[in-house]
Amino acid sequence: MGWTIAGIILLIVVAFFAVLVIRAVMFQPRKELVPAGDEVKLNEEKIVRDMQELIRCKTVSYNDETLIDQAEFQRFRELLPKLYPQIHARCERKFLGVNGLLYRWKGKREGDPVVLMSHYDVVPVEESQWEKPAFDGLVENGVLWGRGTLDTKGTLCGILEAAEQLLAEGYTPEHDIYFAFSGQEEINGPTCPAIVDWFEAQKIHPAMVVDEGGAVVEHVFPGVERECALIGIAEKGLENIEFHIKSNGGHASMPPVHTIAGELAQAVVDVEAHPFPRQLTKPVREMLDILGRHSTFLYKILFANLWCFEGLFDKVCQKSGGELNAMLRTTCAVTKMEGGKAFNVIPPKASVGMNLRLIGTDTVESARDYLEKVIQNPKIEVSIFEGRNPSTESDTSCAEWGTLCQAVADTWKEALVSPYLMMACSDSWHYCRITDRVYKFSAMKLSKEERGMIHGNNERVPIATLVKTVEFYVRLMKKC
């Protein structure tokens, strides 16, 4: 009888592993888009010259309005008609919000329009830490240096250069194309919402919105050697939370059993020891399904059998941290700590600030409730400083998604095109209330080093990358 039971167990184990292997063998790549063979001829010299002029406008955003040089923003807006005369002669232009620009390129016939977005404000610069000047638009060894080259004057330049050339060639799109540019994205200002309000008031339902987000990258997915073009179809929410606690203060020579700083420290330890539960959202599921089919066989066993290995995959992601972990859960990073000013005084109050990036079904309120439950300390007040929920998830079964993917495939012919979950926040979040086709793609091939320059020191873009951005927008606009 023992041998019979052992044999049955062995048979079950063999069958189980056979299922895993068979599913991995069947986990083959899906049919890929065939890139078009047509070439796009561009005026590289003009593109570089125009981009240099855009960089030289110091459109730096600050939360403190008194620090903003409004003259530089005005200079930028006045520069555009000089650089792009065809657009300003043929397209309607509106000024919306604090410093928003909205252009309408009228199409041949009625229909839902495409909206191409970018922002022209940039984050502050610590000039002393840059190898080259941040606002000179310096070109050296085929690379253009400057704040905003990657985030996102580069894509703004790409949109306008492409439209200017197509207009000069006599091209008219089938349907309207709008160019929507905000100068307040970096401070989450009211300009983009004002632009969306205008669309809503006009009862305009965009067929597709394209904004910054994913990029063409390499070595970002386990077991995949090919470059990947990642298009965000959703973005995580944002929440800033503070833990506050008070005491009677006193001399540090006679401390209580637990100081308020110690209690906050324990709360932080508890939060980090209890990460938010995993959520396998649509963008991540679709990315794993598409890119996982191109990974090595061992990884295919994992990705083809997530029904079995999802928990293991989650553990690996938690240990890895970074983007791999962030795509599966709401993250919580401790970013601020405040307490006393003197070594020998117990502070009367102390606080800890945390930055959360919300995923899936988590909300601003539910995340706060989760943290309160984790720390289990009624003396600590958990307050929301600011927050917004995750965006809705955009459609990947519509014709517009196919159009966007084809333009990407035509431009980066070797890239695997895949949906993706955007970790950071963008202005395009606001468009989710008027369309379910909001796509987040920064039309550039970026190395890991270049991605690290966004909001960092020595931001720069290879000229070849910038020209490719313009090429992409020419292809996309010709499909609209």
Protein backbone atom coordinates (compact mmCIF):
# COMPACT_ATOMS: atom_id res chain seq x y z
CA MET A 1 0.00 0.00 0.00
CA GLY A 2 2.92 2.32 0.83
CA TRP A 3 4.45 1.80 -2.58
CA THR A 4 1.11 2.56 -4.22
CA ILE A 5 0.77 5.86 -2.35
CA ALA A 6 4.39 6.74 -3.13
CA GLY A 7 3.81 5.93 -6.76
CA ILE A 8 0.73 8.12 -6.91
CA ILE A 9 2.61 11.00 -5.27
CA LEU A 10 5.48 10.56 -7.73
CA LEU A 11 3.05 10.54 -10.64
CA ILE A 12 1.40 13.74 -9.40
CA VAL A 13 4.79 15.44 -9.01
CA VAL A 14 5.90 14.37 -12.50
CA ALA A 15 2.60 15.51 -13.97
CA PHE A 16 2.89 18.86 -12.16
CA PHE A 17 6.35 19.56 -13.52
CA ALA A 18 5.27 18.37 -16.95
CA VAL A 19 2.47 20.95 -16.93
CA LEU A 20 4.94 23.70 -16.00
CA VAL A 21 7.33 22.72 -18.78
CA ILE A 22 4.61 22.28 -21.41
CA ARG A 23 3.14 25.68 -20.60
CA ALA A 24 6.62 27.22 -20.88
CA VAL A 25 7.21 25.53 -24.23
CA MET A 26 3.87 26.86 -25.50
CA PHE A 27 4.64 30.35 -24.18
CA GLN A 28 5.84 31.57 -27.55
CA PRO A 29 6.18 35.19 -28.78
CA ARG A 30 3.10 36.76 -30.27
CA LYS A 31 3.07 38.01 -33.84
CA GLU A 32 5.04 41.24 -34.04
CA LEU A 33 4.25 44.36 -36.02
CA VAL A 34 6.09 44.60 -39.33
CA PRO A 35 7.96 47.92 -39.56
CA ALA A 36 7.25 50.09 -42.58
CA GLY A 37 10.17 50.53 -44.92
CA ASP A 38 9.60 54.21 -45.70
CA GLU A 39 12.22 56.78 -44.74
CA VAL A 40 11.63 60.13 -43.09
CA LYS A 41 14.00 62.88 -44.19
CA LEU A 42 14.59 65.65 -41.67
CA ASN A 43 16.53 68.87 -41.36
CA GLU A 44 18.87 67.91 -38.53
CA GLU A 45 20.58 71.29 -38.42
CA LYS A 46 17.25 73.10 -37.90
CA ILE A 47 16.14 70.64 -35.23
CA VAL A 48 19.32 71.14 -33.22
CA ARG A 49 19.31 74.91 -33.63
CA ASP A 50 15.68 75.18 -32.52
CA MET A 51 16.22 72.88 -29.55
CA GLN A 52 19.17 75.01 -28.42
CA GLU A 53 16.91 78.06 -28.38
CA LEU A 54 14.27 76.24 -26.34
CA ILE A 55 16.86 75.14 -23.76
CA ARG A 56 18.17 78.69 -23.37
CA CYS A 57 14.81 79.78 -21.95
CA LYS A 58 15.14 79.23 -18.18
CA THR A 59 11.58 78.05 -17.60
CA VAL A 60 12.22 76.73 -14.11
CA SER A 61 9.22 75.87 -11.93
CA TYR A 62 9.20 76.35 -8.15
CA ASN A 63 6.45 75.70 -5.64
CA ASP A 64 7.29 79.14 -4.27
CA GLU A 65 5.85 81.44 -6.94
CA THR A 66 8.14 84.30 -5.95
CA LEU A 67 11.10 82.32 -7.26
CA ILE A 68 9.63 81.83 -10.76
CA ASP A 69 11.05 84.06 -13.48
CA GLN A 70 7.87 84.76 -15.44
CA ALA A 71 9.84 86.67 -18.06
CA GLU A 72 11.60 83.47 -19.09
CA PHE A 73 8.26 81.72 -19.58
CA GLN A 74 7.04 84.65 -21.66
CA ARG A 75 10.25 84.57 -23.65
CA PHE A 76 9.65 80.89 -24.41
CA ARG A 77 6.11 81.54 -25.65
CA GLU A 78 7.25 84.44 -27.82
CA LEU A 79 10.05 82.32 -29.28
CA LEU A 80 7.75 79.64 -30.70
CA PRO A 81 6.23 81.70 -33.57
CA LYS A 82 9.74 82.62 -34.71
CA LEU A 83 10.92 79.01 -34.76
CA TYR A 84 7.71 77.50 -36.14
CA PRO A 85 6.08 80.03 -38.52
CA GLN A 86 4.05 77.41 -40.45
CA ILE A 87 2.35 76.19 -37.27
CA HIS A 88 1.52 79.71 -36.13
CA ALA A 89 0.20 80.68 -39.55
CA ARG A 90 -1.99 77.60 -40.03
CA CYS A 91 -3.00 76.40 -36.56
CA GLU A 92 -5.29 78.02 -34.02
CA ARG A 93 -3.61 78.88 -30.72
CA LYS A 94 -5.20 79.41 -27.30
CA PHE A 95 -3.68 80.44 -23.99
CA LEU A 96 -5.25 78.47 -21.15
CA GLY A 97 -4.63 78.23 -17.45
CA VAL A 98 -1.65 80.03 -15.97
CA ASN A 99 0.72 79.41 -18.88
CA GLY A 100 -0.80 76.71 -21.07
CA LEU A 101 -0.59 76.61 -24.86
CA LEU A 102 -3.14 74.74 -26.96
CA TYR A 103 -2.79 74.46 -30.73
CA ARG A 104 -5.41 73.03 -33.07
CA TRP A 105 -4.30 71.60 -36.44
CA LYS A 106 -7.57 71.24 -38.32
CA GLY A 107 -8.11 67.93 -40.08
CA LYS A 108 -9.91 67.05 -43.29
CA ARG A 109 -13.06 65.79 -41.61
CA GLU A 110 -14.95 65.62 -38.34
CA GLY A 111 -14.02 63.03 -35.74
CA ASP A 112 -12.38 62.61 -32.37
CA PRO A 113 -8.98 64.34 -32.35
CA VAL A 114 -5.55 63.21 -31.21
CA VAL A 115 -3.88 65.19 -28.42
CA LEU A 116 -0.07 65.29 -28.26
CA MET A 117 1.22 66.62 -24.94
CA SER A 118 4.41 67.91 -23.43
CA HIS A 119 5.46 70.45 -20.81
CA TYR A 120 7.98 73.22 -21.12
CA ASP A 121 8.75 73.92 -17.48
CA VAL A 122 11.79 72.25 -15.93
CA VAL A 123 13.04 71.47 -12.44
CA PRO A 124 15.67 73.62 -10.71
CA VAL A 125 19.39 73.19 -11.35
CA GLU A 126 22.41 73.14 -9.05
CA GLU A 127 24.78 74.68 -11.59
CA SER A 128 27.92 73.95 -9.55
CA GLN A 129 27.32 70.21 -9.94
CA TRP A 130 27.05 70.29 -13.73
CA GLU A 131 29.99 69.60 -16.02
CA LYS A 132 28.56 71.92 -18.68
CA PRO A 133 26.25 74.96 -18.41
CA ALA A 134 22.64 73.90 -17.90
CA PHE A 135 21.01 76.56 -20.07
CA ASP A 136 23.54 77.31 -22.82
CA GLY A 137 22.30 74.64 -25.23
CA LEU A 138 25.88 73.49 -25.75
CA VAL A 139 26.54 70.84 -28.42
CA GLU A 140 29.67 68.76 -27.95
CA ASN A 141 30.64 65.44 -29.54
CA GLY A 142 27.18 64.93 -30.98
CA VAL A 143 25.39 65.56 -27.67
CA LEU A 144 23.16 68.51 -26.72
CA TRP A 145 23.43 69.53 -23.07
CA GLY A 146 20.77 71.28 -21.06
CA ARG A 147 17.99 71.11 -18.52
CA GLY A 148 14.84 69.91 -20.25
CA THR A 149 16.49 68.00 -23.09
CA LEU A 150 14.92 64.81 -21.71
CA ASP A 151 12.12 66.18 -19.53
CA THR A 152 10.39 67.29 -21.73
CA LYS A 153 11.45 70.04 -24.10
CA GLY A 154 12.86 67.22 -26.23
CA THR A 155 9.42 65.78 -26.99
CA LEU A 156 7.92 69.28 -27.31
CA CYS A 157 10.57 70.03 -29.91
CA GLY A 158 9.81 66.69 -31.59
CA ILE A 159 6.11 67.50 -31.88
CA LEU A 160 6.61 71.00 -33.26
CA GLU A 161 9.43 70.08 -35.65
CA ALA A 162 7.36 67.24 -37.08
CA ALA A 163 4.26 69.42 -37.53
CA GLU A 164 6.28 72.29 -39.04
CA GLN A 165 7.79 69.97 -41.64
CA LEU A 166 4.51 68.28 -42.52
CA LEU A 167 2.77 71.63 -42.88
CA ALA A 168 5.55 72.82 -45.19
CA GLU A 169 5.02 69.68 -47.26
CA GLY A 170 1.30 70.44 -47.56
CA TYR A 171 0.12 67.60 -45.35
CA THR A 172 -3.31 67.76 -43.67
CA PRO A 173 -4.31 65.12 -41.11
CA GLU A 174 -7.58 63.20 -41.46
CA HIS A 175 -8.82 64.46 -38.09
CA ASP A 176 -7.84 67.36 -35.84
CA ILE A 177 -4.57 67.15 -33.95
CA TYR A 178 -4.12 69.23 -30.80
CA PHE A 179 -0.77 70.16 -29.27
CA ALA A 180 -1.20 70.77 -25.53
CA PHE A 181 1.72 72.26 -23.61
CA SER A 182 1.75 73.16 -19.92
CA GLY A 183 4.32 75.20 -18.07
CA GLN A 184 3.37 73.85 -14.63
CA GLU A 185 3.76 70.09 -14.82
CA GLU A 186 6.75 69.95 -12.49
CA ILE A 187 4.74 71.57 -9.68
CA ASN A 188 1.46 69.80 -10.47
CA GLY A 189 -0.09 73.19 -11.18
CA PRO A 190 -3.61 74.01 -12.42
CA THR A 191 -2.72 74.65 -16.07
CA CYS A 192 -3.20 71.13 -17.43
CA PRO A 193 -6.53 70.69 -15.58
CA ALA A 194 -7.63 73.99 -17.17
CA ILE A 195 -6.81 72.62 -20.62
CA VAL A 196 -8.78 69.44 -19.89
CA ASP A 197 -11.65 71.60 -18.60
CA TRP A 198 -11.68 73.36 -21.98
CA PHE A 199 -11.89 70.06 -23.86
CA GLU A 200 -14.69 68.93 -21.56
CA ALA A 201 -16.62 72.18 -22.02
CA GLN A 202 -16.34 71.80 -25.80
CA LYS A 203 -17.54 68.18 -25.48
CA ILE A 204 -14.35 67.00 -27.21
CA HIS A 205 -13.54 63.35 -26.56
CA PRO A 206 -9.94 62.66 -27.66
CA ALA A 207 -9.42 59.52 -29.69
CA MET A 208 -5.95 59.29 -28.18
CA VAL A 209 -3.68 61.28 -25.86
CA VAL A 210 0.09 60.81 -25.97
CA ASP A 211 2.32 62.23 -23.24
CA GLU A 212 5.66 61.50 -21.56
CA GLY A 213 6.19 58.16 -19.86
CA GLY A 214 7.95 54.99 -20.96
CA ALA A 215 10.81 54.96 -23.45
CA VAL A 216 12.87 52.61 -25.62
CA VAL A 217 15.18 50.86 -23.17
CA GLU A 218 17.47 47.86 -22.89
CA HIS A 219 18.11 45.25 -20.19
CA VAL A 220 15.03 46.12 -18.14
CA PHE A 221 13.20 42.80 -18.32
CA PRO A 222 14.58 39.50 -17.00
CA GLY A 223 15.90 37.25 -19.75
CA VAL A 224 15.18 39.67 -22.62
CA GLU A 225 18.15 40.98 -24.60
CA ARG A 226 16.27 43.00 -27.21
CA GLU A 227 15.43 46.64 -26.66
CA CYS A 228 11.89 47.26 -25.43
CA ALA A 229 9.58 50.17 -26.22
CA LEU A 230 7.47 50.55 -23.09
CA ILE A 231 4.24 52.52 -23.42
CA GLY A 232 2.53 53.46 -20.17
CA ILE A 233 -1.18 52.65 -20.14
CA ALA A 234 -1.63 53.74 -16.51
CA GLU A 235 0.28 55.60 -13.84
CA LYS A 236 0.51 55.19 -10.12
CA GLY A 237 -1.13 57.61 -7.76
CA LEU A 238 0.72 59.97 -5.45
CA GLU A 239 0.31 60.58 -1.74
CA ASN A 240 2.39 62.46 0.80
CA ILE A 241 1.66 61.43 4.37
CA GLU A 242 2.99 62.73 7.68
CA PHE A 243 3.23 61.02 11.06
CA HIS A 244 2.96 63.55 13.92
CA ILE A 245 3.47 62.96 17.63
CA LYS A 246 3.67 65.35 20.60
CA SER A 247 5.21 65.21 24.07
CA ASN A 248 5.63 67.41 27.13
CA GLY A 249 9.26 67.97 26.21
CA GLY A 250 11.77 68.09 29.03
CA HIS A 251 15.46 67.67 29.78
CA ALA A 252 17.20 64.82 28.00
CA SER A 253 18.87 63.72 31.25
CA MET A 254 15.55 62.33 32.50
CA PRO A 255 13.92 60.72 29.44
CA PRO A 256 10.68 58.72 29.49
CA VAL A 257 10.77 55.03 28.67
CA HIS A 258 9.93 55.81 25.04
CA THR A 259 10.76 59.16 23.45
CA ILE A 260 8.55 60.47 20.68
CA ALA A 261 11.47 60.12 18.27
CA GLY A 262 11.80 56.50 19.30
CA GLU A 263 8.10 55.88 18.78
CA LEU A 264 8.29 57.39 15.31
CA ALA A 265 11.35 55.27 14.56
CA GLN A 266 9.42 52.16 15.58
CA ALA A 267 6.54 53.23 13.34
CA VAL A 268 8.93 53.55 10.40
CA VAL A 269 10.37 50.09 11.11
CA ASP A 270 6.85 48.65 11.24
CA VAL A 271 5.89 50.28 7.93
CA GLU A 272 8.99 48.96 6.16
CA ALA A 273 8.45 45.50 7.65
CA HIS A 274 4.86 45.38 6.36
CA PRO A 275 4.84 46.38 2.68
CA PHE A 276 1.53 46.89 0.93
CA PRO A 277 0.00 43.71 -0.56
CA ARG A 278 0.87 42.93 -4.18
CA GLN A 279 -1.51 43.75 -7.01
CA LEU A 280 -0.98 42.36 -10.48
CA THR A 281 -2.55 45.17 -12.51
CA LYS A 282 -3.48 45.14 -16.20
CA PRO A 283 -0.37 47.03 -17.40
CA VAL A 284 1.94 44.63 -15.56
CA ARG A 285 0.02 41.50 -16.58
CA GLU A 286 0.15 42.53 -20.22
CA MET A 287 3.84 43.42 -20.02
CA LEU A 288 4.71 40.09 -18.43
CA ASP A 289 2.68 38.27 -21.07
CA ILE A 290 4.31 40.08 -24.01
CA LEU A 291 7.91 40.38 -22.86
CA GLY A 292 7.94 37.14 -20.88
CA ARG A 293 7.46 35.23 -24.15
CA HIS A 294 10.82 36.58 -25.34
CA SER A 295 12.75 35.68 -22.18
CA THR A 296 14.97 32.65 -21.59
CA PHE A 297 13.37 29.27 -20.96
CA LEU A 298 13.84 29.33 -17.18
CA TYR A 299 12.10 32.69 -17.00
CA LYS A 300 9.38 31.39 -19.30
CA ILE A 301 8.64 28.69 -16.74
CA LEU A 302 8.06 31.48 -14.23
CA PHE A 303 6.05 33.87 -16.43
CA ALA A 304 3.98 31.17 -18.13
CA ASN A 305 2.99 29.79 -14.73
CA LEU A 306 2.27 32.82 -12.59
CA TRP A 307 -0.84 30.99 -11.39
CA CYS A 308 1.69 28.90 -9.46
CA PHE A 309 4.66 31.20 -8.96
CA GLU A 310 3.07 34.60 -8.40
CA GLY A 311 3.92 34.48 -4.69
CA LEU A 312 7.53 33.51 -5.42
CA PHE A 313 7.78 36.25 -8.03
CA ASP A 314 6.45 38.70 -5.45
CA LYS A 315 9.13 37.66 -2.93
CA VAL A 316 11.85 38.15 -5.54
CA CYS A 317 10.47 41.59 -6.36
CA GLN A 318 10.40 42.57 -2.67
CA LYS A 319 14.02 41.52 -2.19
CA SER A 320 15.10 43.33 -5.36
CA GLY A 321 13.38 46.59 -4.48
CA GLY A 322 13.42 49.42 -7.02
CA GLU A 323 11.25 49.35 -10.12
CA LEU A 324 10.65 45.60 -10.04
CA ASN A 325 9.05 45.85 -6.60
CA ALA A 326 7.26 49.11 -7.40
CA MET A 327 5.36 47.60 -10.32
CA LEU A 328 3.63 45.14 -7.98
CA ARG A 329 2.57 47.24 -5.01
CA THR A 330 2.01 50.61 -3.46
CA THR A 331 5.38 51.82 -2.23
CA CYS A 332 6.15 53.94 0.80
CA ALA A 333 9.45 55.84 1.10
CA VAL A 334 10.42 57.80 4.20
CA THR A 335 11.70 61.14 2.91
CA LYS A 336 11.48 63.63 5.82
CA MET A 337 12.24 63.53 9.54
CA GLU A 338 11.92 66.47 11.94
CA GLY A 339 12.36 66.74 15.67
CA GLY A 340 14.32 68.75 18.20
CA LYS A 341 17.05 71.31 17.58
CA ALA A 342 19.22 70.58 20.62
CA PHE A 343 20.94 67.40 21.81
CA ASN A 344 19.92 67.83 25.44
CA VAL A 345 16.24 68.67 24.96
CA ILE A 346 13.41 66.21 24.36
CA PRO A 347 11.40 67.85 21.56
CA PRO A 348 7.76 68.77 22.21
CA LYS A 349 6.83 67.45 18.76
CA ALA A 350 8.33 65.37 15.97
CA SER A 351 7.24 64.17 12.56
CA VAL A 352 8.09 61.85 9.71
CA GLY A 353 7.13 62.44 6.09
CA MET A 354 6.48 59.67 3.59
CA ASN A 355 5.98 59.59 -0.15
CA LEU A 356 3.61 56.88 -1.39
CA ARG A 357 3.01 55.76 -4.96
CA LEU A 358 -0.40 54.12 -5.12
CA ILE A 359 -1.24 51.18 -7.34
CA GLY A 360 -4.41 49.56 -8.64
CA THR A 361 -7.31 49.67 -6.19
CA ASP A 362 -5.39 51.48 -3.44
CA THR A 363 -6.66 55.00 -2.78
CA VAL A 364 -5.44 57.98 -0.81
CA GLU A 365 -7.80 57.09 2.04
CA SER A 366 -7.23 53.33 2.03
CA ALA A 367 -3.45 53.79 2.07
CA ARG A 368 -3.67 56.03 5.13
CA ASP A 369 -5.92 53.50 6.86
CA TYR A 370 -3.43 50.72 6.08
CA LEU A 371 -0.55 52.64 7.64
CA GLU A 372 -2.59 53.43 10.76
CA LYS A 373 -3.35 49.73 11.11
CA VAL A 374 0.31 48.78 10.66
CA ILE A 375 1.79 51.16 13.25
CA GLN A 376 -0.92 50.53 15.89
CA ASN A 377 -0.01 53.64 17.85
CA PRO A 378 -2.94 55.95 18.67
CA LYS A 379 -0.53 58.64 19.86
CA ILE A 380 0.73 59.11 16.31
CA GLU A 381 -1.50 61.21 14.09
CA VAL A 382 -1.44 60.09 10.44
CA SER A 383 -2.36 63.00 8.19
CA ILE A 384 -2.56 63.39 4.43
CA PHE A 385 -0.56 66.32 3.11
CA GLU A 386 -1.64 65.82 -0.52
CA GLY A 387 -2.60 62.98 -2.82
CA ARG A 388 -4.26 61.70 -5.94
CA ASN A 389 -5.45 58.22 -6.78
CA PRO A 390 -3.96 55.96 -9.47
CA SER A 391 -5.06 56.72 -13.01
CA THR A 392 -7.53 54.52 -14.81
CA GLU A 393 -6.11 51.90 -17.18
CA SER A 394 -6.20 52.69 -20.87
CA ASP A 395 -7.53 50.51 -23.67
CA THR A 396 -5.06 48.27 -25.54
CA SER A 397 -7.62 46.65 -27.83
CA CYS A 398 -8.59 49.76 -29.81
CA ALA A 399 -7.39 50.95 -33.23
CA GLU A 400 -5.60 53.93 -31.66
CA TRP A 401 -3.38 51.65 -29.59
CA GLY A 402 -2.49 49.80 -32.77
CA THR A 403 -1.71 53.07 -34.55
CA LEU A 404 0.63 54.20 -31.77
CA CYS A 405 2.38 50.83 -31.60
CA GLN A 406 2.87 50.80 -35.37
CA ALA A 407 4.47 54.27 -35.31
CA VAL A 408 6.82 53.04 -32.58
CA ALA A 409 7.67 49.88 -34.51
CA ASP A 410 8.29 51.87 -37.70
CA THR A 411 10.77 54.09 -35.86
CA TRP A 412 12.58 51.60 -33.62
CA LYS A 413 12.48 48.58 -35.87
CA GLU A 414 14.17 46.12 -33.50
CA ALA A 415 12.17 47.01 -30.41
CA LEU A 416 9.57 44.88 -28.68
CA VAL A 417 6.52 47.08 -28.05
CA SER A 418 4.74 46.51 -24.75
CA PRO A 419 2.33 48.13 -22.26
CA TYR A 420 3.87 49.33 -19.03
CA LEU A 421 2.91 50.83 -15.66
CA MET A 422 4.35 54.31 -15.20
CA MET A 423 5.77 54.80 -11.71
CA ALA A 424 5.98 58.60 -11.77
CA CYS A 425 3.17 61.13 -12.16
CA SER A 426 2.38 63.19 -15.24
CA ASP A 427 -0.09 65.79 -16.47
CA SER A 428 -1.80 63.18 -18.65
CA TRP A 429 -3.46 61.78 -15.48
CA HIS A 430 -6.00 64.59 -15.83
CA TYR A 431 -7.10 63.44 -19.30
CA CYS A 432 -8.38 60.14 -17.92
CA ARG A 433 -11.67 61.86 -17.09
CA ILE A 434 -12.40 62.52 -20.79
CA THR A 435 -10.90 59.47 -22.53
CA ASP A 436 -9.75 55.92 -21.80
CA ARG A 437 -6.95 56.12 -24.37
CA VAL A 438 -4.16 57.97 -22.57
CA TYR A 439 -0.72 56.64 -23.49
CA LYS A 440 2.55 57.60 -21.84
CA PHE A 441 5.59 57.32 -24.10
CA SER A 442 8.67 59.55 -24.16
CA ALA A 443 9.73 59.00 -27.76
CA MET A 444 13.42 58.42 -27.10
CA LYS A 445 15.80 55.52 -26.74
CA LEU A 446 17.41 56.07 -23.34
CA SER A 447 20.20 54.24 -21.58
CA LYS A 448 20.10 53.63 -17.84
CA GLU A 449 22.58 56.49 -17.40
CA GLU A 450 20.43 58.85 -19.46
CA ARG A 451 17.28 57.92 -17.52
CA GLY A 452 19.19 58.82 -14.35
CA MET A 453 19.78 62.33 -15.69
CA ILE A 454 16.07 63.16 -15.64
CA HIS A 455 15.74 65.66 -12.76
CA GLY A 456 19.45 65.04 -12.15
CA ASN A 457 22.75 66.66 -13.04
CA ASN A 458 24.23 66.87 -16.54
CA GLU A 459 20.96 66.26 -18.36
CA ARG A 460 21.68 65.85 -22.07
CA VAL A 461 20.49 64.11 -25.22
CA PRO A 462 22.40 62.68 -28.18
CA ILE A 463 21.47 64.54 -31.35
CA ALA A 464 20.69 61.24 -33.06
CA THR A 465 18.15 60.51 -30.31
CA LEU A 466 16.49 63.90 -30.71
CA VAL A 467 16.23 63.48 -34.48
CA LYS A 468 14.65 60.05 -33.96
CA THR A 469 12.05 61.70 -31.73
CA VAL A 470 11.05 64.02 -34.55
CA GLU A 471 10.92 61.05 -36.93
CA PHE A 472 8.52 59.25 -34.60
CA TYR A 473 6.13 62.20 -34.45
CA VAL A 474 6.18 62.59 -38.23
CA ARG A 475 5.16 58.94 -38.54
CA LEU A 476 2.49 59.23 -35.85
CA MET A 477 0.95 62.42 -37.28
CA LYS A 478 0.79 60.90 -40.76
CA LYS A 479 -1.35 58.10 -39.31
CA CYS A 480 -3.82 60.51 -37.69
